[in-house]
């Protein structure tokens, strides 16, 4: 059985996605719309449409406010080829059991986001043991993850792998500074599970708040801080024209529909579901909210509270 990630893709062309966006959200910003065949670890074959790929028009190149300070930095631990090959890849399909958990899961970050231009080793801390490798692409789009801490020459990021809240440190000093791209996103997505509300915030200004559907009691929407992992456009949409997988997974489902239990934001054709706790953990949003979410850059913080 194909997973939901496999089923959402197709052969939508660059012109097709541009036309769809113009029809749905007005003129497309002068930014890159990256399209790629969804492959990678799970053997997935679909199409990912990444709006404002990476920095785009919505992510500035300015460094932004400094992230929270961390312990004193150390040099990266040397790795042999065998040790490197034995590290797990940090993707939505994998588990990184040695990765330290997010120390402040309900704290809003400065907005810094990091993209590895080449695969980067993730460490338990500055100068500590390696725990994973963060690839340069996720779902065949560029990898962007939020920065949640910093020390001299190091940045702590959230990972898209299980368990929820997995994090790690990437060495960004010295020669390695040219192998990562650190920028600033002004966007924050807030989800209040109990109130069943979603808000999109741009540079501190709330663009809108909508009533949404959240996870049912037996399959709740997980809480904490996560991020927009990808933007997928199904070639034959049924429930939603776009799906935004997050760096979170269901707390109760190890797999769903053949996929890894990834939680996402997406639309829903029946508006009567909004305001209900009815999903398998994903957040179902109205069309107007979905159109604005399509403009949120990858890596932007999503804060989910109870």
C-alpha atoms as a PDB file:
ATOM      1  CA  UNK A   1       0.000   0.000   0.000  1.00  0.00           C
ATOM      2  CA  UNK A   2       1.352   3.405  -0.906  1.00  0.00           C
ATOM      3  CA  UNK A   3       1.769   5.942   1.887  1.00  0.00           C
ATOM      4  CA  UNK A   4      -0.067   9.267   1.969  1.00  0.00           C
ATOM      5  CA  UNK A   5       3.236  10.909   1.028  1.00  0.00           C
ATOM      6  CA  UNK A   6       3.398   8.787  -2.094  1.00  0.00           C
ATOM      7  CA  UNK A   7      -0.204   9.537  -2.992  1.00  0.00           C
ATOM      8  CA  UNK A   8      -0.024  13.331  -2.766  1.00  0.00           C
ATOM      9  CA  UNK A   9       2.413  13.788  -5.641  1.00  0.00           C
ATOM     10  CA  UNK A  10       2.218  13.716  -9.394  1.00  0.00           C
ATOM     11  CA  UNK A  11       3.275  15.470 -12.541  1.00  0.00           C
ATOM     12  CA  UNK A  12       2.262  19.052 -11.836  1.00  0.00           C
ATOM     13  CA  UNK A  13       4.481  21.296 -13.931  1.00  0.00           C
ATOM     14  CA  UNK A  14       6.220  24.518 -12.890  1.00  0.00           C
ATOM     15  CA  UNK A  15       3.651  26.409 -14.963  1.00  0.00           C
ATOM     16  CA  UNK A  16       0.844  24.440 -13.349  1.00  0.00           C
ATOM     17  CA  UNK A  17       1.837  25.260  -9.780  1.00  0.00           C
ATOM     18  CA  UNK A  18       2.421  28.906 -10.688  1.00  0.00           C
ATOM     19  CA  UNK A  19      -1.018  29.120 -12.279  1.00  0.00           C
ATOM     20  CA  UNK A  20      -2.589  27.422  -9.263  1.00  0.00           C
ATOM     21  CA  UNK A  21      -0.958  29.888  -6.887  1.00  0.00           C
ATOM     22  CA  UNK A  22      -1.960  32.897  -8.988  1.00  0.00           C
ATOM     23  CA  UNK A  23      -5.529  31.697  -8.992  1.00  0.00           C
ATOM     24  CA  UNK A  24      -5.546  30.991  -5.252  1.00  0.00           C
ATOM     25  CA  UNK A  25      -3.423  33.669  -3.601  1.00  0.00           C
ATOM     26  CA  UNK A  26      -2.907  36.318  -6.255  1.00  0.00           C
ATOM     27  CA  UNK A  27       0.341  37.175  -8.029  1.00  0.00           C
ATOM     28  CA  UNK A  28       3.204  34.857  -7.211  1.00  0.00           C
ATOM     29  CA  UNK A  29       5.996  36.759  -5.371  1.00  0.00           C
ATOM     30  CA  UNK A  30       9.226  37.148  -7.271  1.00  0.00           C
ATOM     31  CA  UNK A  31      10.707  34.121  -5.564  1.00  0.00           C
ATOM     32  CA  UNK A  32      11.809  30.675  -6.572  1.00  0.00           C
ATOM     33  CA  UNK A  33       9.086  28.023  -6.783  1.00  0.00           C
ATOM     34  CA  UNK A  34      11.088  24.829  -6.485  1.00  0.00           C
ATOM     35  CA  UNK A  35       9.586  21.613  -7.835  1.00  0.00           C
ATOM     36  CA  UNK A  36      11.223  18.248  -7.381  1.00  0.00           C
ATOM     37  CA  UNK A  37      10.415  14.580  -7.652  1.00  0.00           C
ATOM     38  CA  UNK A  38       9.747  13.255  -4.149  1.00  0.00           C
ATOM     39  CA  UNK A  39      12.180  10.420  -3.619  1.00  0.00           C
ATOM     40  CA  UNK A  40      14.600   9.580  -0.823  1.00  0.00           C
ATOM     41  CA  UNK A  41      14.730   7.198   2.044  1.00  0.00           C
ATOM     42  CA  UNK A  42      11.264   5.714   1.761  1.00  0.00           C
ATOM     43  CA  UNK A  43      11.379   5.224  -1.994  1.00  0.00           C
ATOM     44  CA  UNK A  44       8.696   7.860  -2.385  1.00  0.00           C
ATOM     45  CA  UNK A  45       7.789   9.076  -5.869  1.00  0.00           C
ATOM     46  CA  UNK A  46       5.684  12.236  -6.001  1.00  0.00           C
ATOM     47  CA  UNK A  47       6.061  15.940  -6.603  1.00  0.00           C
ATOM     48  CA  UNK A  48       6.946  18.522  -3.990  1.00  0.00           C
ATOM     49  CA  UNK A  49       6.207  22.170  -4.627  1.00  0.00           C
ATOM     50  CA  UNK A  50       8.219  24.381  -2.336  1.00  0.00           C
ATOM     51  CA  UNK A  51       6.889  27.926  -2.360  1.00  0.00           C
ATOM     52  CA  UNK A  52       9.549  30.588  -1.870  1.00  0.00           C
ATOM     53  CA  UNK A  53      12.067  27.757  -1.725  1.00  0.00           C
ATOM     54  CA  UNK A  54      14.245  28.261   1.288  1.00  0.00           C
ATOM     55  CA  UNK A  55      14.812  31.981   1.670  1.00  0.00           C
ATOM     56  CA  UNK A  56      12.407  33.118  -1.059  1.00  0.00           C
ATOM     57  CA  UNK A  57      10.750  36.488  -0.686  1.00  0.00           C
ATOM     58  CA  UNK A  58       9.546  35.786   2.823  1.00  0.00           C
ATOM     59  CA  UNK A  59      12.898  34.950   4.430  1.00  0.00           C
ATOM     60  CA  UNK A  60      15.421  37.725   4.835  1.00  0.00           C
ATOM     61  CA  UNK A  61      19.156  37.222   4.691  1.00  0.00           C
ATOM     62  CA  UNK A  62      19.644  39.370   7.775  1.00  0.00           C
ATOM     63  CA  UNK A  63      21.025  37.481  10.759  1.00  0.00           C
ATOM     64  CA  UNK A  64      18.096  38.368  13.015  1.00  0.00           C
ATOM     65  CA  UNK A  65      18.206  38.407  16.821  1.00  0.00           C
ATOM     66  CA  UNK A  66      20.724  36.166  18.504  1.00  0.00           C
ATOM     67  CA  UNK A  67      19.478  32.768  19.607  1.00  0.00           C
ATOM     68  CA  UNK A  68      19.617  31.677  23.237  1.00  0.00           C
ATOM     69  CA  UNK A  69      23.108  31.136  24.592  1.00  0.00           C
ATOM     70  CA  UNK A  70      24.408  27.610  25.183  1.00  0.00           C
ATOM     71  CA  UNK A  71      27.377  26.071  26.972  1.00  0.00           C
ATOM     72  CA  UNK A  72      30.882  26.812  25.790  1.00  0.00           C
ATOM     73  CA  UNK A  73      31.681  25.445  22.374  1.00  0.00           C
ATOM     74  CA  UNK A  74      34.180  22.705  21.553  1.00  0.00           C
ATOM     75  CA  UNK A  75      35.653  21.356  18.361  1.00  0.00           C
ATOM     76  CA  UNK A  76      33.641  18.751  16.429  1.00  0.00           C
ATOM     77  CA  UNK A  77      34.431  15.163  17.334  1.00  0.00           C
ATOM     78  CA  UNK A  78      36.407  13.513  14.480  1.00  0.00           C
ATOM     79  CA  UNK A  79      34.532  10.742  12.693  1.00  0.00           C
ATOM     80  CA  UNK A  80      35.759   7.796  10.695  1.00  0.00           C
ATOM     81  CA  UNK A  81      34.000   6.848   7.476  1.00  0.00           C
ATOM     82  CA  UNK A  82      32.505   3.823   9.205  1.00  0.00           C
ATOM     83  CA  UNK A  83      31.185   5.913  12.097  1.00  0.00           C
ATOM     84  CA  UNK A  84      29.663   8.428   9.693  1.00  0.00           C
ATOM     85  CA  UNK A  85      27.988   5.665   7.691  1.00  0.00           C
ATOM     86  CA  UNK A  86      26.498   4.235  10.877  1.00  0.00           C
ATOM     87  CA  UNK A  87      24.689   7.434  11.903  1.00  0.00           C
ATOM     88  CA  UNK A  88      20.923   7.606  11.251  1.00  0.00           C
ATOM     89  CA  UNK A  89      19.632  10.108   8.720  1.00  0.00           C
ATOM     90  CA  UNK A  90      17.344  12.719  10.303  1.00  0.00           C
ATOM     91  CA  UNK A  91      14.229  12.636   8.104  1.00  0.00           C
ATOM     92  CA  UNK A  92      10.497  12.297   8.668  1.00  0.00           C
ATOM     93  CA  UNK A  93      10.871   8.547   7.983  1.00  0.00           C
ATOM     94  CA  UNK A  94      13.513   7.860  10.637  1.00  0.00           C
ATOM     95  CA  UNK A  95      14.170   7.761  14.376  1.00  0.00           C
ATOM     96  CA  UNK A  96      17.183   9.428  16.005  1.00  0.00           C
ATOM     97  CA  UNK A  97      17.182   7.867  19.486  1.00  0.00           C
ATOM     98  CA  UNK A  98      20.390   9.541  20.693  1.00  0.00           C
ATOM     99  CA  UNK A  99      19.306  13.072  19.733  1.00  0.00           C
ATOM    100  CA  UNK A 100      18.664  15.275  22.789  1.00  0.00           C
ATOM    101  CA  UNK A 101      15.119  16.548  23.232  1.00  0.00           C
ATOM    102  CA  UNK A 102      14.134  20.178  22.783  1.00  0.00           C
ATOM    103  CA  UNK A 103      14.905  21.888  26.125  1.00  0.00           C
ATOM    104  CA  UNK A 104      12.220  24.581  25.754  1.00  0.00           C
ATOM    105  CA  UNK A 105       9.385  23.096  23.652  1.00  0.00           C
ATOM    106  CA  UNK A 106       6.964  25.992  24.150  1.00  0.00           C
ATOM    107  CA  UNK A 107       9.340  28.910  23.610  1.00  0.00           C
ATOM    108  CA  UNK A 108       9.137  31.144  20.544  1.00  0.00           C
ATOM    109  CA  UNK A 109      12.470  31.354  18.723  1.00  0.00           C
ATOM    110  CA  UNK A 110      14.159  34.384  17.184  1.00  0.00           C
ATOM    111  CA  UNK A 111      13.078  33.217  13.717  1.00  0.00           C
ATOM    112  CA  UNK A 112      16.460  31.963  12.547  1.00  0.00           C
ATOM    113  CA  UNK A 113      16.308  29.013  10.149  1.00  0.00           C
ATOM    114  CA  UNK A 114      19.192  26.879   8.917  1.00  0.00           C
ATOM    115  CA  UNK A 115      19.698  25.052   5.649  1.00  0.00           C
ATOM    116  CA  UNK A 116      22.507  22.491   5.260  1.00  0.00           C
ATOM    117  CA  UNK A 117      23.957  22.979   1.779  1.00  0.00           C
ATOM    118  CA  UNK A 118      25.605  19.579   2.176  1.00  0.00           C
ATOM    119  CA  UNK A 119      24.690  16.797   4.608  1.00  0.00           C
ATOM    120  CA  UNK A 120      25.711  17.851   8.128  1.00  0.00           C
ATOM    121  CA  UNK A 121      26.632  15.768  11.147  1.00  0.00           C
ATOM    122  CA  UNK A 122      24.367  16.495  14.129  1.00  0.00           C
ATOM    123  CA  UNK A 123      25.948  16.300  17.589  1.00  0.00           C
ATOM    124  CA  UNK A 124      24.552  15.892  21.109  1.00  0.00           C
ATOM    125  CA  UNK A 125      26.248  19.182  21.983  1.00  0.00           C
ATOM    126  CA  UNK A 126      29.268  21.316  21.109  1.00  0.00           C
ATOM    127  CA  UNK A 127      32.237  18.980  21.170  1.00  0.00           C
ATOM    128  CA  UNK A 128      30.052  15.995  22.119  1.00  0.00           C
ATOM    129  CA  UNK A 129      29.183  12.735  20.381  1.00  0.00           C
ATOM    130  CA  UNK A 130      27.509  12.649  16.953  1.00  0.00           C
ATOM    131  CA  UNK A 131      23.886  11.471  16.922  1.00  0.00           C
ATOM    132  CA  UNK A 132      22.633  11.796  13.321  1.00  0.00           C
ATOM    133  CA  UNK A 133      23.157  13.276   9.867  1.00  0.00           C
ATOM    134  CA  UNK A 134      20.858  16.023   8.599  1.00  0.00           C
ATOM    135  CA  UNK A 135      20.549  15.678   4.804  1.00  0.00           C
ATOM    136  CA  UNK A 136      20.490  18.646   2.448  1.00  0.00           C
ATOM    137  CA  UNK A 137      17.039  17.685   1.126  1.00  0.00           C
ATOM    138  CA  UNK A 138      13.798  16.602   2.779  1.00  0.00           C
ATOM    139  CA  UNK A 139      10.988  15.223   0.624  1.00  0.00           C
ATOM    140  CA  UNK A 140      13.156  16.316  -2.312  1.00  0.00           C
ATOM    141  CA  UNK A 141      12.914  19.967  -1.356  1.00  0.00           C
ATOM    142  CA  UNK A 142      15.652  21.877   0.464  1.00  0.00           C
ATOM    143  CA  UNK A 143      16.025  21.111   4.162  1.00  0.00           C
ATOM    144  CA  UNK A 144      15.230  24.083   6.407  1.00  0.00           C
ATOM    145  CA  UNK A 145      15.088  23.687  10.189  1.00  0.00           C
ATOM    146  CA  UNK A 146      14.616  26.251  12.986  1.00  0.00           C
ATOM    147  CA  UNK A 147      17.534  27.325  15.156  1.00  0.00           C
ATOM    148  CA  UNK A 148      16.629  26.947  18.848  1.00  0.00           C
ATOM    149  CA  UNK A 149      19.979  27.647  20.485  1.00  0.00           C
ATOM    150  CA  UNK A 150      23.484  28.887  19.736  1.00  0.00           C
ATOM    151  CA  UNK A 151      27.034  28.852  21.011  1.00  0.00           C
ATOM    152  CA  UNK A 152      30.263  30.090  19.445  1.00  0.00           C
ATOM    153  CA  UNK A 153      30.551  28.222  16.168  1.00  0.00           C
ATOM    154  CA  UNK A 154      27.513  26.008  16.849  1.00  0.00           C
ATOM    155  CA  UNK A 155      23.752  26.134  16.287  1.00  0.00           C
ATOM    156  CA  UNK A 156      21.104  23.914  17.854  1.00  0.00           C
ATOM    157  CA  UNK A 157      18.266  22.939  15.520  1.00  0.00           C
ATOM    158  CA  UNK A 158      15.069  20.927  15.638  1.00  0.00           C
ATOM    159  CA  UNK A 159      15.076  17.705  13.628  1.00  0.00           C
ATOM    160  CA  UNK A 160      12.254  16.233  11.498  1.00  0.00           C
ATOM    161  CA  UNK A 161      12.821  12.703  12.826  1.00  0.00           C
ATOM    162  CA  UNK A 162      11.196  10.812  15.685  1.00  0.00           C
ATOM    163  CA  UNK A 163      10.844  11.288  18.606  1.00  0.00           C
ATOM    164  CA  UNK A 164       8.971  14.587  18.625  1.00  0.00           C
ATOM    165  CA  UNK A 165      11.218  17.350  19.885  1.00  0.00           C
ATOM    166  CA  UNK A 166      14.423  15.685  18.677  1.00  0.00           C
ATOM    167  CA  UNK A 167      17.165  18.272  18.325  1.00  0.00           C
ATOM    168  CA  UNK A 168      20.909  18.500  17.875  1.00  0.00           C
ATOM    169  CA  UNK A 169      23.881  20.752  17.331  1.00  0.00           C
ATOM    170  CA  UNK A 170      25.490  21.539  13.974  1.00  0.00           C
ATOM    171  CA  UNK A 171      28.988  22.997  13.723  1.00  0.00           C
ATOM    172  CA  UNK A 172      28.643  26.258  11.796  1.00  0.00           C
ATOM    173  CA  UNK A 173      32.036  27.781  12.523  1.00  0.00           C
ATOM    174  CA  UNK A 174      35.280  27.850  10.605  1.00  0.00           C
ATOM    175  CA  UNK A 175      35.264  26.385   7.115  1.00  0.00           C
ATOM    176  CA  UNK A 176      31.887  24.771   7.782  1.00  0.00           C
ATOM    177  CA  UNK A 177      30.202  28.190   7.744  1.00  0.00           C
ATOM    178  CA  UNK A 178      30.160  27.987   3.934  1.00  0.00           C
ATOM    179  CA  UNK A 179      28.303  24.669   4.068  1.00  0.00           C
ATOM    180  CA  UNK A 180      25.215  26.041   5.812  1.00  0.00           C
ATOM    181  CA  UNK A 181      22.846  28.914   5.082  1.00  0.00           C
ATOM    182  CA  UNK A 182      21.329  30.725   8.089  1.00  0.00           C
ATOM    183  CA  UNK A 183      18.553  33.213   7.505  1.00  0.00           C
ATOM    184  CA  UNK A 184      15.564  34.711   9.292  1.00  0.00           C
ATOM    185  CA  UNK A 185      11.873  33.975   8.794  1.00  0.00           C
ATOM    186  CA  UNK A 186       9.355  36.528  10.091  1.00  0.00           C
ATOM    187  CA  UNK A 187       6.577  33.928  10.252  1.00  0.00           C
ATOM    188  CA  UNK A 188       5.135  32.041  13.208  1.00  0.00           C
ATOM    189  CA  UNK A 189       2.195  29.634  13.072  1.00  0.00           C
ATOM    190  CA  UNK A 190       0.338  29.205  16.385  1.00  0.00           C
ATOM    191  CA  UNK A 191      -2.108  26.352  16.961  1.00  0.00           C
ATOM    192  CA  UNK A 192      -4.264  26.142  20.097  1.00  0.00           C
ATOM    193  CA  UNK A 193      -5.568  22.586  20.263  1.00  0.00           C
ATOM    194  CA  UNK A 194      -8.126  23.150  23.030  1.00  0.00           C
ATOM    195  CA  UNK A 195      -9.552  26.280  21.424  1.00  0.00           C
ATOM    196  CA  UNK A 196      -9.177  24.687  17.972  1.00  0.00           C
ATOM    197  CA  UNK A 197      -7.643  27.847  16.550  1.00  0.00           C
ATOM    198  CA  UNK A 198      -4.788  28.500  14.116  1.00  0.00           C
ATOM    199  CA  UNK A 199      -3.111  31.886  13.723  1.00  0.00           C
ATOM    200  CA  UNK A 200      -0.530  33.027  11.181  1.00  0.00           C
ATOM    201  CA  UNK A 201       1.800  35.770  12.414  1.00  0.00           C
ATOM    202  CA  UNK A 202       4.164  37.787  10.231  1.00  0.00           C
ATOM    203  CA  UNK A 203       6.735  40.021  11.964  1.00  0.00           C
ATOM    204  CA  UNK A 204       4.559  40.132  15.085  1.00  0.00           C
ATOM    205  CA  UNK A 205       1.404  41.027  13.161  1.00  0.00           C
ATOM    206  CA  UNK A 206      -1.425  38.485  13.125  1.00  0.00           C
ATOM    207  CA  UNK A 207      -2.567  37.952   9.539  1.00  0.00           C
ATOM    208  CA  UNK A 208      -5.590  35.919  10.584  1.00  0.00           C
ATOM    209  CA  UNK A 209      -7.027  33.414  13.053  1.00  0.00           C
ATOM    210  CA  UNK A 210      -9.217  30.500  11.957  1.00  0.00           C
ATOM    211  CA  UNK A 211     -11.241  27.754  13.592  1.00  0.00           C
ATOM    212  CA  UNK A 212      -9.705  24.411  12.621  1.00  0.00           C
ATOM    213  CA  UNK A 213     -10.165  20.686  13.200  1.00  0.00           C
ATOM    214  CA  UNK A 214      -7.633  18.900  15.410  1.00  0.00           C
ATOM    215  CA  UNK A 215      -6.846  15.348  16.469  1.00  0.00           C
ATOM    216  CA  UNK A 216      -9.521  13.167  18.037  1.00  0.00           C
ATOM    217  CA  UNK A 217      -9.089  12.140  21.711  1.00  0.00           C
ATOM    218  CA  UNK A 218      -7.571   8.794  20.699  1.00  0.00           C
ATOM    219  CA  UNK A 219      -5.261  10.332  18.088  1.00  0.00           C
ATOM    220  CA  UNK A 220      -4.474  13.790  19.481  1.00  0.00           C
ATOM    221  CA  UNK A 221      -2.493  16.520  17.776  1.00  0.00           C
ATOM    222  CA  UNK A 222       0.914  16.576  19.514  1.00  0.00           C
ATOM    223  CA  UNK A 223       1.959  19.757  21.293  1.00  0.00           C
ATOM    224  CA  UNK A 224       5.260  21.605  21.416  1.00  0.00           C
ATOM    225  CA  UNK A 225       7.286  23.539  18.885  1.00  0.00           C
ATOM    226  CA  UNK A 226       7.918  22.144  15.439  1.00  0.00           C
ATOM    227  CA  UNK A 227       8.300  23.564  11.937  1.00  0.00           C
ATOM    228  CA  UNK A 228       7.084  23.541   8.342  1.00  0.00           C
ATOM    229  CA  UNK A 229       8.991  20.673   6.736  1.00  0.00           C
ATOM    230  CA  UNK A 230       7.642  20.755   3.168  1.00  0.00           C
ATOM    231  CA  UNK A 231       4.851  21.955   0.898  1.00  0.00           C
ATOM    232  CA  UNK A 232       3.323  19.199  -1.228  1.00  0.00           C
ATOM    233  CA  UNK A 233       0.854  19.565  -4.089  1.00  0.00           C
ATOM    234  CA  UNK A 234      -1.139  16.427  -4.999  1.00  0.00           C
ATOM    235  CA  UNK A 235      -1.629  15.902  -8.730  1.00  0.00           C
ATOM    236  CA  UNK A 236      -5.131  14.531  -8.038  1.00  0.00           C
ATOM    237  CA  UNK A 237      -6.214  16.296  -4.843  1.00  0.00           C
ATOM    238  CA  UNK A 238      -9.145  14.882  -2.923  1.00  0.00           C
ATOM    239  CA  UNK A 239      -9.251  16.359   0.570  1.00  0.00           C
ATOM    240  CA  UNK A 240      -6.781  19.220   0.024  1.00  0.00           C
ATOM    241  CA  UNK A 241      -4.925  20.919  -2.864  1.00  0.00           C
ATOM    242  CA  UNK A 242      -1.866  21.385  -0.633  1.00  0.00           C
ATOM    243  CA  UNK A 243      -0.350  19.528   2.312  1.00  0.00           C
ATOM    244  CA  UNK A 244       2.247  20.974   4.685  1.00  0.00           C
ATOM    245  CA  UNK A 245       4.025  18.150   6.568  1.00  0.00           C
ATOM    246  CA  UNK A 246       5.477  19.264   9.893  1.00  0.00           C
ATOM    247  CA  UNK A 247       8.511  18.049  11.792  1.00  0.00           C
ATOM    248  CA  UNK A 248       6.144  16.175  14.148  1.00  0.00           C
ATOM    249  CA  UNK A 249       4.642  12.694  14.286  1.00  0.00           C
ATOM    250  CA  UNK A 250       1.536  11.243  15.918  1.00  0.00           C
ATOM    251  CA  UNK A 251       2.033  10.252  19.549  1.00  0.00           C
ATOM    252  CA  UNK A 252      -0.323   7.292  19.134  1.00  0.00           C
ATOM    253  CA  UNK A 253       0.101   6.092  15.537  1.00  0.00           C
ATOM    254  CA  UNK A 254       3.459   4.658  14.486  1.00  0.00           C
ATOM    255  CA  UNK A 255       2.205   4.661  10.905  1.00  0.00           C
ATOM    256  CA  UNK A 256      -0.847   5.871   9.011  1.00  0.00           C
ATOM    257  CA  UNK A 257      -1.895   5.074   5.451  1.00  0.00           C
ATOM    258  CA  UNK A 258       1.449   3.418   4.866  1.00  0.00           C
ATOM    259  CA  UNK A 259       3.374   6.526   5.933  1.00  0.00           C
ATOM    260  CA  UNK A 260       5.413   7.258   9.091  1.00  0.00           C
ATOM    261  CA  UNK A 261       2.628   9.022  10.998  1.00  0.00           C
ATOM    262  CA  UNK A 262       3.798  12.510  10.016  1.00  0.00           C
ATOM    263  CA  UNK A 263       1.486  15.264  11.256  1.00  0.00           C
ATOM    264  CA  UNK A 264       0.615  17.997   8.777  1.00  0.00           C
ATOM    265  CA  UNK A 265      -1.573  20.985   7.992  1.00  0.00           C
ATOM    266  CA  UNK A 266      -4.045  20.626   5.130  1.00  0.00           C
ATOM    267  CA  UNK A 267      -7.454  21.678   3.889  1.00  0.00           C
ATOM    268  CA  UNK A 268     -10.733  19.824   4.067  1.00  0.00           C
ATOM    269  CA  UNK A 269     -13.719  19.886   1.682  1.00  0.00           C
ATOM    270  CA  UNK A 270     -16.416  19.676   4.394  1.00  0.00           C
ATOM    271  CA  UNK A 271     -16.417  22.849   6.534  1.00  0.00           C
ATOM    272  CA  UNK A 272     -18.557  21.190   9.210  1.00  0.00           C
ATOM    273  CA  UNK A 273     -15.398  19.552  10.639  1.00  0.00           C
ATOM    274  CA  UNK A 274     -13.887  22.871  11.715  1.00  0.00           C
ATOM    275  CA  UNK A 275     -14.093  23.302  15.450  1.00  0.00           C
ATOM    276  CA  UNK A 276     -14.094  19.554  16.072  1.00  0.00           C
ATOM    277  CA  UNK A 277     -11.524  17.121  17.476  1.00  0.00           C
ATOM    278  CA  UNK A 278     -11.882  14.599  14.681  1.00  0.00           C
ATOM    279  CA  UNK A 279      -8.639  13.952  12.787  1.00  0.00           C
ATOM    280  CA  UNK A 280      -5.842  11.391  13.174  1.00  0.00           C
ATOM    281  CA  UNK A 281      -3.597  14.168  14.498  1.00  0.00           C
ATOM    282  CA  UNK A 282      -3.315  16.484  11.510  1.00  0.00           C
ATOM    283  CA  UNK A 283      -4.792  19.982  11.599  1.00  0.00           C
ATOM    284  CA  UNK A 284      -7.486  20.622   8.990  1.00  0.00           C
ATOM    285  CA  UNK A 285      -7.730  24.286   7.996  1.00  0.00           C
ATOM    286  CA  UNK A 286     -10.110  26.439   5.918  1.00  0.00           C
ATOM    287  CA  UNK A 287      -9.118  27.376   2.373  1.00  0.00           C
ATOM    288  CA  UNK A 288      -8.191  30.966   3.237  1.00  0.00           C
ATOM    289  CA  UNK A 289      -5.777  29.784   5.922  1.00  0.00           C
ATOM    290  CA  UNK A 290      -4.290  27.186   3.569  1.00  0.00           C
ATOM    291  CA  UNK A 291      -3.595  29.833   0.928  1.00  0.00           C
ATOM    292  CA  UNK A 292      -1.684  31.950   3.446  1.00  0.00           C
ATOM    293  CA  UNK A 293       0.166  28.928   4.830  1.00  0.00           C
ATOM    294  CA  UNK A 294       1.452  28.309   1.304  1.00  0.00           C
ATOM    295  CA  UNK A 295       3.503  31.504   1.670  1.00  0.00           C
ATOM    296  CA  UNK A 296       5.168  30.522   4.962  1.00  0.00           C
ATOM    297  CA  UNK A 297       8.824  29.608   4.294  1.00  0.00           C
ATOM    298  CA  UNK A 298      10.132  26.152   5.079  1.00  0.00           C
ATOM    299  CA  UNK A 299      11.689  25.878   8.514  1.00  0.00           C
ATOM    300  CA  UNK A 300       9.359  28.473  10.014  1.00  0.00           C
ATOM    301  CA  UNK A 301       8.314  27.769  13.590  1.00  0.00           C
ATOM    302  CA  UNK A 302       4.953  26.144  14.356  1.00  0.00           C
ATOM    303  CA  UNK A 303       3.999  26.371  18.032  1.00  0.00           C
ATOM    304  CA  UNK A 304       1.268  23.957  19.126  1.00  0.00           C
ATOM    305  CA  UNK A 305      -0.189  24.384  22.607  1.00  0.00           C
ATOM    306  CA  UNK A 306      -2.925  22.572  24.478  1.00  0.00           C
END
